[in-house]
Amino acid sequence: MTANETVQEKLTRELDATHVEIIDNSWMHAGHVAMKGISATEGTHLRVIVVSERFNEVNLIDRHRMVYQALASEFAKQLHALEIKTFTPAEYQNASF
């Protein structure tokens, strides 16, 4: 299982997500000072969109905390940066990107 597949599986399972979208921007940070000595070419810098009923009546900061908690072990391995968008199913249906 790739690092990105692991992230998708954990977010789906831990947050009961109905939709998880991952955009891997790791390639954009290959020469970044903080990435020196890291051989991973994927799964270090991600943008995620997570849709879950569990976000109902939860403020944005707590939603992000839920995502970070679900991925704590990935941060310990190779995940370095995460851009997060969280929605309830109703919010996602009405979202404009």
Protein backbone atom coordinates (compact mmCIF):
# COMPACT_ATOMS: atom_id res chain seq x y z
CA MET A 1 0.00 0.00 0.00
CA THR A 2 1.40 3.42 -0.93
CA ALA A 3 1.67 6.27 1.56
CA ASN A 4 -1.25 8.05 -0.12
CA GLU A 5 -3.41 4.93 -0.05
CA THR A 6 -2.66 4.58 3.66
CA VAL A 7 -3.72 8.19 4.27
CA GLN A 8 -6.94 7.64 2.30
CA GLU A 9 -7.73 4.43 4.18
CA LYS A 10 -7.09 6.00 7.60
CA LEU A 11 -9.19 9.09 6.91
CA THR A 12 -12.03 6.98 5.55
CA ARG A 13 -11.94 4.59 8.49
CA GLU A 14 -11.19 6.96 11.37
CA LEU A 15 -13.60 9.72 10.30
CA ASP A 16 -16.26 7.61 8.59
CA ALA A 17 -15.56 9.72 5.51
CA THR A 18 -17.86 9.38 2.53
CA HIS A 19 -15.33 11.11 0.27
CA VAL A 20 -11.57 11.56 0.56
CA GLU A 21 -9.58 13.29 -2.14
CA ILE A 22 -5.79 13.51 -1.99
CA ILE A 23 -3.58 15.75 -4.07
CA ASP A 24 0.08 14.91 -3.61
CA ASN A 25 2.30 17.99 -3.91
CA SER A 26 5.43 16.27 -2.61
CA TRP A 27 7.26 16.75 -5.91
CA MET A 28 7.04 20.52 -5.43
CA HIS A 29 9.10 20.32 -2.23
CA ALA A 30 11.87 17.93 -3.25
CA GLY A 31 14.62 20.54 -2.66
CA HIS A 32 13.02 22.04 0.45
CA VAL A 33 15.47 22.36 3.34
CA ALA A 34 13.24 20.37 5.69
CA MET A 35 13.18 17.50 3.19
CA LYS A 36 16.96 16.99 3.09
CA GLY A 37 17.72 13.34 3.70
CA ILE A 38 14.12 12.24 3.04
CA SER A 39 14.03 9.73 0.21
CA ALA A 40 10.24 9.63 -0.11
CA THR A 41 8.96 11.00 -3.39
CA GLU A 42 5.31 10.85 -2.38
CA GLY A 43 3.22 11.32 0.71
CA THR A 44 5.21 14.14 2.32
CA HIS A 45 3.13 17.18 1.27
CA LEU A 46 -0.56 16.52 0.78
CA ARG A 47 -3.76 18.46 0.16
CA VAL A 48 -6.81 16.55 1.37
CA ILE A 49 -10.53 17.04 1.05
CA VAL A 50 -12.49 15.04 3.61
CA VAL A 51 -16.28 14.74 3.68
CA SER A 52 -17.88 13.23 6.76
CA GLU A 53 -21.10 13.40 8.75
CA ARG A 54 -18.88 13.46 11.84
CA PHE A 55 -18.08 17.11 11.00
CA ASN A 56 -21.70 18.16 11.66
CA GLU A 57 -21.76 20.92 14.28
CA VAL A 58 -17.96 20.74 14.69
CA ASN A 59 -15.97 23.95 14.21
CA LEU A 60 -13.14 24.19 11.69
CA ILE A 61 -10.30 23.94 14.20
CA ASP A 62 -11.74 20.79 15.77
CA ARG A 63 -12.32 19.27 12.33
CA HIS A 64 -8.66 19.83 11.53
CA ARG A 65 -7.68 18.33 14.88
CA MET A 66 -9.71 15.23 13.99
CA VAL A 67 -7.80 14.89 10.70
CA TYR A 68 -4.42 15.40 12.38
CA GLN A 69 -5.30 12.83 15.06
CA ALA A 70 -6.29 10.29 12.41
CA LEU A 71 -2.92 10.80 10.69
CA ALA A 72 -0.66 11.07 13.74
CA SER A 73 1.30 7.93 12.87
CA GLU A 74 1.80 9.15 9.29
CA PHE A 75 3.36 12.38 10.58
CA ALA A 76 5.72 10.24 12.65
CA LYS A 77 6.78 8.39 9.48
CA GLN A 78 7.01 10.73 6.48
CA LEU A 79 4.08 13.15 6.27
CA HIS A 80 5.49 16.65 6.61
CA ALA A 81 2.77 19.10 5.53
CA LEU A 82 -0.98 18.88 5.16
CA GLU A 83 -3.48 21.29 3.61
CA ILE A 84 -6.96 20.37 4.81
CA LYS A 85 -10.46 21.08 3.52
CA THR A 86 -13.28 19.51 5.54
CA PHE A 87 -16.97 19.36 4.72
CA THR A 88 -20.16 17.73 5.85
CA PRO A 89 -21.96 16.02 2.95
CA ALA A 90 -24.40 18.96 2.72
CA GLU A 91 -21.56 21.51 2.69
CA TYR A 92 -19.68 19.56 0.04
CA GLN A 93 -22.76 19.33 -2.18
CA ASN A 94 -23.07 23.14 -2.08
CA ALA A 95 -19.34 23.92 -2.29
CA SER A 96 -17.90 25.70 -5.27
CA PHE A 97 -14.27 25.06 -6.06
